[in-house]
Amino acid sequence: MLVFILLHACVYVCVGMCKMVENLCSHKMSAQLYAQLRVACESHVSSCVNQFLSYPLLTGPAAVLYH
């Protein structure tokens, strides 16, 4: 039952987010939205990569590939 409630909540949130994006695009704000999403995604990915670079497995030559 809890899984169903969580799934329903996720669908509800996604529908709401889609509507907000649709409204922003209809008000000619898609370029601004894209720029902000790109910055947010790059920041998130960078922090995830940096987190994994701190593991001992990636402190040797393999770490050079990620710097």
PDB file of N, CA and C in Angstrom:
ATOM      1  N   MET A   1       0.826  -1.200   0.000  1.00  0.00           N
ATOM      2  CA  MET A   1       0.000   0.000   0.000  1.00  0.00           C
ATOM      3  C   MET A   1       0.864   1.255   0.000  1.00  0.00           C
ATOM      4  N   LEU A   2       1.929   1.224   0.799  1.00  0.00           N
ATOM      5  CA  LEU A   2       2.821   2.382   0.873  1.00  0.00           C
ATOM      6  C   LEU A   2       3.465   2.654  -0.476  1.00  0.00           C
ATOM      7  N   VAL A   3       3.842   1.588  -1.189  1.00  0.00           N
ATOM      8  CA  VAL A   3       4.453   1.748  -2.503  1.00  0.00           C
ATOM      9  C   VAL A   3       3.471   2.432  -3.454  1.00  0.00           C
ATOM     10  N   PHE A   4       2.222   2.023  -3.406  1.00  0.00           N
ATOM     11  CA  PHE A   4       1.206   2.635  -4.256  1.00  0.00           C
ATOM     12  C   PHE A   4       1.056   4.121  -3.944  1.00  0.00           C
ATOM     13  N   ILE A   5       1.065   4.477  -2.695  1.00  0.00           N
ATOM     14  CA  ILE A   5       0.927   5.881  -2.281  1.00  0.00           C
ATOM     15  C   ILE A   5       2.123   6.685  -2.769  1.00  0.00           C
ATOM     16  N   LEU A   6       3.331   6.120  -2.601  1.00  0.00           N
ATOM     17  CA  LEU A   6       4.530   6.823  -3.060  1.00  0.00           C
ATOM     18  C   LEU A   6       4.535   6.986  -4.573  1.00  0.00           C
ATOM     19  N   LEU A   7       4.138   5.937  -5.286  1.00  0.00           N
ATOM     20  CA  LEU A   7       4.074   6.001  -6.743  1.00  0.00           C
ATOM     21  C   LEU A   7       3.067   7.051  -7.183  1.00  0.00           C
ATOM     22  N   HIS A   8       1.936   7.076  -6.545  1.00  0.00           N
ATOM     23  CA  HIS A   8       0.899   8.065  -6.867  1.00  0.00           C
ATOM     24  C   HIS A   8       1.435   9.474  -6.611  1.00  0.00           C
ATOM     25  N   ALA A   9       2.141   9.667  -5.524  1.00  0.00           N
ATOM     26  CA  ALA A   9       2.701  10.976  -5.199  1.00  0.00           C
ATOM     27  C   ALA A   9       3.732  11.388  -6.237  1.00  0.00           C
ATOM     28  N   CYS A  10       4.572  10.453  -6.674  1.00  0.00           N
ATOM     29  CA  CYS A  10       5.582  10.761  -7.691  1.00  0.00           C
ATOM     30  C   CYS A  10       4.935  11.164  -9.015  1.00  0.00           C
ATOM     31  N   VAL A  11       3.901  10.444  -9.404  1.00  0.00           N
ATOM     32  CA  VAL A  11       3.194  10.769 -10.642  1.00  0.00           C
ATOM     33  C   VAL A  11       2.574  12.154 -10.532  1.00  0.00           C
ATOM     34  N   TYR A  12       1.979  12.452  -9.393  1.00  0.00           N
ATOM     35  CA  TYR A  12       1.362  13.755  -9.170  1.00  0.00           C
ATOM     36  C   TYR A  12       2.399  14.872  -9.280  1.00  0.00           C
ATOM     37  N   VAL A  13       3.569  14.677  -8.678  1.00  0.00           N
ATOM     38  CA  VAL A  13       4.634  15.677  -8.725  1.00  0.00           C
ATOM     39  C   VAL A  13       5.131  15.843 -10.152  1.00  0.00           C
ATOM     40  N   CYS A  14       5.314  14.742 -10.871  1.00  0.00           N
ATOM     41  CA  CYS A  14       5.795  14.827 -12.252  1.00  0.00           C
ATOM     42  C   CYS A  14       4.806  15.559 -13.150  1.00  0.00           C
ATOM     43  N   VAL A  15       3.547  15.285 -12.982  1.00  0.00           N
ATOM     44  CA  VAL A  15       2.522  15.979 -13.771  1.00  0.00           C
ATOM     45  C   VAL A  15       2.575  17.477 -13.473  1.00  0.00           C
ATOM     46  N   GLY A  16       2.706  17.830 -12.209  1.00  0.00           N
ATOM     47  CA  GLY A  16       2.790  19.242 -11.837  1.00  0.00           C
ATOM     48  C   GLY A  16       4.024  19.912 -12.420  1.00  0.00           C
ATOM     49  N   MET A  17       5.146  19.207 -12.391  1.00  0.00           N
ATOM     50  CA  MET A  17       6.377  19.767 -12.952  1.00  0.00           C
ATOM     51  C   MET A  17       6.250  19.944 -14.461  1.00  0.00           C
ATOM     52  N   CYS A  18       5.642  18.983 -15.122  1.00  0.00           N
ATOM     53  CA  CYS A  18       5.443  19.096 -16.576  1.00  0.00           C
ATOM     54  C   CYS A  18       4.576  20.302 -16.917  1.00  0.00           C
ATOM     55  N   LYS A  19       3.557  20.521 -16.129  1.00  0.00           N
ATOM     56  CA  LYS A  19       2.684  21.683 -16.362  1.00  0.00           C
ATOM     57  C   LYS A  19       3.452  22.991 -16.158  1.00  0.00           C
ATOM     58  N   MET A  20       4.306  23.028 -15.122  1.00  0.00           N
ATOM     59  CA  MET A  20       5.099  24.235 -14.888  1.00  0.00           C
ATOM     60  C   MET A  20       6.057  24.496 -16.047  1.00  0.00           C
ATOM     61  N   VAL A  21       6.701  23.452 -16.535  1.00  0.00           N
ATOM     62  CA  VAL A  21       7.622  23.607 -17.667  1.00  0.00           C
ATOM     63  C   VAL A  21       6.854  24.060 -18.905  1.00  0.00           C
ATOM     64  N   GLU A  22       5.708  23.480 -19.120  1.00  0.00           N
ATOM     65  CA  GLU A  22       4.874  23.877 -20.256  1.00  0.00           C
ATOM     66  C   GLU A  22       4.509  25.361 -20.163  1.00  0.00           C
ATOM     67  N   ASN A  23       4.152  25.813 -18.973  1.00  0.00           N
ATOM     68  CA  ASN A  23       3.811  27.229 -18.786  1.00  0.00           C
ATOM     69  C   ASN A  23       5.014  28.129 -19.037  1.00  0.00           C
ATOM     70  N   LEU A  24       6.181  27.736 -18.545  1.00  0.00           N
ATOM     71  CA  LEU A  24       7.385  28.539 -18.775  1.00  0.00           C
ATOM     72  C   LEU A  24       7.701  28.623 -20.258  1.00  0.00           C
ATOM     73  N   CYS A  25       7.578  27.509 -20.960  1.00  0.00           N
ATOM     74  CA  CYS A  25       7.850  27.505 -22.398  1.00  0.00           C
ATOM     75  C   CYS A  25       6.844  28.360 -23.155  1.00  0.00           C
ATOM     76  N   SER A  26       5.600  28.327 -22.744  1.00  0.00           N
ATOM     77  CA  SER A  26       4.586  29.133 -23.431  1.00  0.00           C
ATOM     78  C   SER A  26       4.795  30.629 -23.192  1.00  0.00           C
ATOM     79  N   HIS A  27       5.535  30.970 -22.138  1.00  0.00           N
ATOM     80  CA  HIS A  27       5.860  32.371 -21.866  1.00  0.00           C
ATOM     81  C   HIS A  27       7.256  32.724 -22.368  1.00  0.00           C
ATOM     82  N   LYS A  28       7.745  31.949 -23.345  1.00  0.00           N
ATOM     83  CA  LYS A  28       9.035  32.205 -24.003  1.00  0.00           C
ATOM     84  C   LYS A  28      10.210  32.200 -23.030  1.00  0.00           C
ATOM     85  N   MET A  29      10.159  31.328 -22.042  1.00  0.00           N
ATOM     86  CA  MET A  29      11.236  31.248 -21.050  1.00  0.00           C
ATOM     87  C   MET A  29      12.017  29.933 -21.169  1.00  0.00           C
ATOM     88  N   SER A  30      11.876  29.240 -22.297  1.00  0.00           N
ATOM     89  CA  SER A  30      12.524  27.935 -22.441  1.00  0.00           C
ATOM     90  C   SER A  30      14.045  28.050 -22.414  1.00  0.00           C
ATOM     91  N   ALA A  31      14.612  29.088 -23.024  1.00  0.00           N
ATOM     92  CA  ALA A  31      16.074  29.244 -23.041  1.00  0.00           C
ATOM     93  C   ALA A  31      16.606  29.459 -21.626  1.00  0.00           C
ATOM     94  N   GLN A  32      15.912  30.262 -20.860  1.00  0.00           N
ATOM     95  CA  GLN A  32      16.318  30.516 -19.469  1.00  0.00           C
ATOM     96  C   GLN A  32      16.177  29.244 -18.633  1.00  0.00           C
ATOM     97  N   LEU A  33      15.097  28.524 -18.838  1.00  0.00           N
ATOM     98  CA  LEU A  33      14.877  27.269 -18.116  1.00  0.00           C
ATOM     99  C   LEU A  33      15.964  26.265 -18.458  1.00  0.00           C
ATOM    100  N   TYR A  34      16.292  26.153 -19.749  1.00  0.00           N
ATOM    101  CA  TYR A  34      17.341  25.228 -20.182  1.00  0.00           C
ATOM    102  C   TYR A  34      18.676  25.590 -19.536  1.00  0.00           C
ATOM    103  N   ALA A  35      19.026  26.859 -19.521  1.00  0.00           N
ATOM    104  CA  ALA A  35      20.294  27.295 -18.934  1.00  0.00           C
ATOM    105  C   ALA A  35      20.362  26.950 -17.442  1.00  0.00           C
ATOM    106  N   GLN A  36      19.281  27.187 -16.734  1.00  0.00           N
ATOM    107  CA  GLN A  36      19.261  26.890 -15.301  1.00  0.00           C
ATOM    108  C   GLN A  36      19.316  25.391 -15.032  1.00  0.00           C
ATOM    109  N   LEU A  37      18.604  24.611 -15.847  1.00  0.00           N
ATOM    110  CA  LEU A  37      18.644  23.153 -15.680  1.00  0.00           C
ATOM    111  C   LEU A  37      20.029  22.605 -15.998  1.00  0.00           C
ATOM    112  N   ARG A  38      20.670  23.172 -17.012  1.00  0.00           N
ATOM    113  CA  ARG A  38      22.023  22.717 -17.376  1.00  0.00           C
ATOM    114  C   ARG A  38      22.999  22.964 -16.233  1.00  0.00           C
ATOM    115  N   VAL A  39      22.948  24.162 -15.640  1.00  0.00           N
ATOM    116  CA  VAL A  39      23.830  24.491 -14.517  1.00  0.00           C
ATOM    117  C   VAL A  39      23.558  23.550 -13.344  1.00  0.00           C
ATOM    118  N   ALA A  40      22.293  23.315 -13.050  1.00  0.00           N
ATOM    119  CA  ALA A  40      21.939  22.441 -11.930  1.00  0.00           C
ATOM    120  C   ALA A  40      22.414  21.012 -12.184  1.00  0.00           C
ATOM    121  N   CYS A  41      22.243  20.514 -13.393  1.00  0.00           N
ATOM    122  CA  CYS A  41      22.671  19.152 -13.717  1.00  0.00           C
ATOM    123  C   CYS A  41      24.189  19.021 -13.679  1.00  0.00           C
ATOM    124  N   GLU A  42      24.898  20.005 -14.239  1.00  0.00           N
ATOM    125  CA  GLU A  42      26.360  19.964 -14.215  1.00  0.00           C
ATOM    126  C   GLU A  42      26.889  20.007 -12.789  1.00  0.00           C
ATOM    127  N   SER A  43      26.279  20.798 -11.959  1.00  0.00           N
ATOM    128  CA  SER A  43      26.691  20.887 -10.565  1.00  0.00           C
ATOM    129  C   SER A  43      26.463  19.562  -9.851  1.00  0.00           C
ATOM    130  N   HIS A  44      25.309  18.955 -10.081  1.00  0.00           N
ATOM    131  CA  HIS A  44      24.980  17.680  -9.447  1.00  0.00           C
ATOM    132  C   HIS A  44      25.938  16.580  -9.896  1.00  0.00           C
ATOM    133  N   VAL A  45      26.173  16.489 -11.202  1.00  0.00           N
ATOM    134  CA  VAL A  45      27.068  15.456 -11.723  1.00  0.00           C
ATOM    135  C   VAL A  45      28.484  15.677 -11.198  1.00  0.00           C
ATOM    136  N   SER A  46      28.918  16.914 -11.164  1.00  0.00           N
ATOM    137  CA  SER A  46      30.259  17.231 -10.662  1.00  0.00           C
ATOM    138  C   SER A  46      30.414  16.798  -9.210  1.00  0.00           C
ATOM    139  N   SER A  47      29.413  17.076  -8.386  1.00  0.00           N
ATOM    140  CA  SER A  47      29.503  16.692  -6.976  1.00  0.00           C
ATOM    141  C   SER A  47      29.499  15.169  -6.823  1.00  0.00           C
ATOM    142  N   CYS A  48      28.748  14.473  -7.667  1.00  0.00           N
ATOM    143  CA  CYS A  48      28.741  13.008  -7.613  1.00  0.00           C
ATOM    144  C   CYS A  48      30.097  12.445  -8.024  1.00  0.00           C
ATOM    145  N   VAL A  49      30.673  12.988  -9.073  1.00  0.00           N
ATOM    146  CA  VAL A  49      31.981  12.524  -9.529  1.00  0.00           C
ATOM    147  C   VAL A  49      33.027  12.802  -8.461  1.00  0.00           C
ATOM    148  N   ASN A  50      33.001  13.987  -7.886  1.00  0.00           N
ATOM    149  CA  ASN A  50      33.969  14.326  -6.839  1.00  0.00           C
ATOM    150  C   ASN A  50      33.822  13.413  -5.630  1.00  0.00           C
ATOM    151  N   GLN A  51      32.611  13.032  -5.315  1.00  0.00           N
ATOM    152  CA  GLN A  51      32.368  12.117  -4.192  1.00  0.00           C
ATOM    153  C   GLN A  51      33.041  10.779  -4.468  1.00  0.00           C
ATOM    154  N   PHE A  52      32.911  10.270  -5.672  1.00  0.00           N
ATOM    155  CA  PHE A  52      33.499   8.972  -5.998  1.00  0.00           C
ATOM    156  C   PHE A  52      35.014   9.054  -6.175  1.00  0.00           C
ATOM    157  N   LEU A  53      35.527  10.209  -6.549  1.00  0.00           N
ATOM    158  CA  LEU A  53      36.976  10.365  -6.672  1.00  0.00           C
ATOM    159  C   LEU A  53      37.664  10.265  -5.320  1.00  0.00           C
ATOM    160  N   SER A  54      36.930  10.474  -4.252  1.00  0.00           N
ATOM    161  CA  SER A  54      37.522  10.397  -2.924  1.00  0.00           C
ATOM    162  C   SER A  54      37.718   8.953  -2.459  1.00  0.00           C
ATOM    163  N   TYR A  55      37.131   7.987  -3.183  1.00  0.00           N
ATOM    164  CA  TYR A  55      37.319   6.578  -2.833  1.00  0.00           C
ATOM    165  C   TYR A  55      38.728   6.140  -3.194  1.00  0.00           C
ATOM    166  N   PRO A  56      39.339   5.266  -2.392  1.00  0.00           N
ATOM    167  CA  PRO A  56      40.704   4.789  -2.645  1.00  0.00           C
ATOM    168  C   PRO A  56      40.887   4.127  -4.012  1.00  0.00           C
ATOM    169  N   LEU A  57      39.847   3.513  -4.551  1.00  0.00           N
ATOM    170  CA  LEU A  57      39.978   2.844  -5.844  1.00  0.00           C
ATOM    171  C   LEU A  57      40.333   3.812  -6.962  1.00  0.00           C
ATOM    172  N   LEU A  58      39.971   5.060  -6.817  1.00  0.00           N
ATOM    173  CA  LEU A  58      40.205   6.028  -7.886  1.00  0.00           C
ATOM    174  C   LEU A  58      41.294   7.041  -7.533  1.00  0.00           C
ATOM    175  N   THR A  59      42.233   6.677  -6.703  1.00  0.00           N
ATOM    176  CA  THR A  59      43.308   7.609  -6.370  1.00  0.00           C
ATOM    177  C   THR A  59      44.569   7.330  -7.176  1.00  0.00           C
ATOM    178  N   GLY A  60      44.597   6.219  -7.905  1.00  0.00           N
ATOM    179  CA  GLY A  60      45.754   5.875  -8.710  1.00  0.00           C
ATOM    180  C   GLY A  60      45.623   6.421 -10.121  1.00  0.00           C
ATOM    181  N   PRO A  61      46.218   5.731 -11.095  1.00  0.00           N
ATOM    182  CA  PRO A  61      46.187   6.195 -12.484  1.00  0.00           C
ATOM    183  C   PRO A  61      44.779   6.340 -13.045  1.00  0.00           C
ATOM    184  N   ALA A  62      43.835   5.544 -12.571  1.00  0.00           N
ATOM    185  CA  ALA A  62      42.460   5.652 -13.084  1.00  0.00           C
ATOM    186  C   ALA A  62      41.852   7.007 -12.752  1.00  0.00           C
ATOM    187  N   ALA A  63      42.274   7.633 -11.680  1.00  0.00           N
ATOM    188  CA  ALA A  63      41.720   8.924 -11.294  1.00  0.00           C
ATOM    189  C   ALA A  63      42.063  10.007 -12.294  1.00  0.00           C
ATOM    190  N   VAL A  64      43.155   9.832 -13.013  1.00  0.00           N
ATOM    191  CA  VAL A  64      43.569  10.829 -14.012  1.00  0.00           C
ATOM    192  C   VAL A  64      42.499  10.966 -15.091  1.00  0.00           C
ATOM    193  N   LEU A  65      41.837   9.881 -15.404  1.00  0.00           N
ATOM    194  CA  LEU A  65      40.799   9.909 -16.442  1.00  0.00           C
ATOM    195  C   LEU A  65      39.626  10.795 -16.062  1.00  0.00           C
ATOM    196  N   TYR A  66      39.407  11.001 -14.784  1.00  0.00           N
ATOM    197  CA  TYR A  66      38.247  11.742 -14.312  1.00  0.00           C
ATOM    198  C   TYR A  66      38.562  13.155 -13.897  1.00  0.00           C
ATOM    199  N   HIS A  67      39.805  13.573 -13.978  1.00  0.00           N
ATOM    200  CA  HIS A  67      40.160  14.944 -13.555  1.00  0.00           C
ATOM    201  C   HIS A  67      40.184  15.869 -14.732  1.00  0.00           C
TER     202      HIS A  67
END
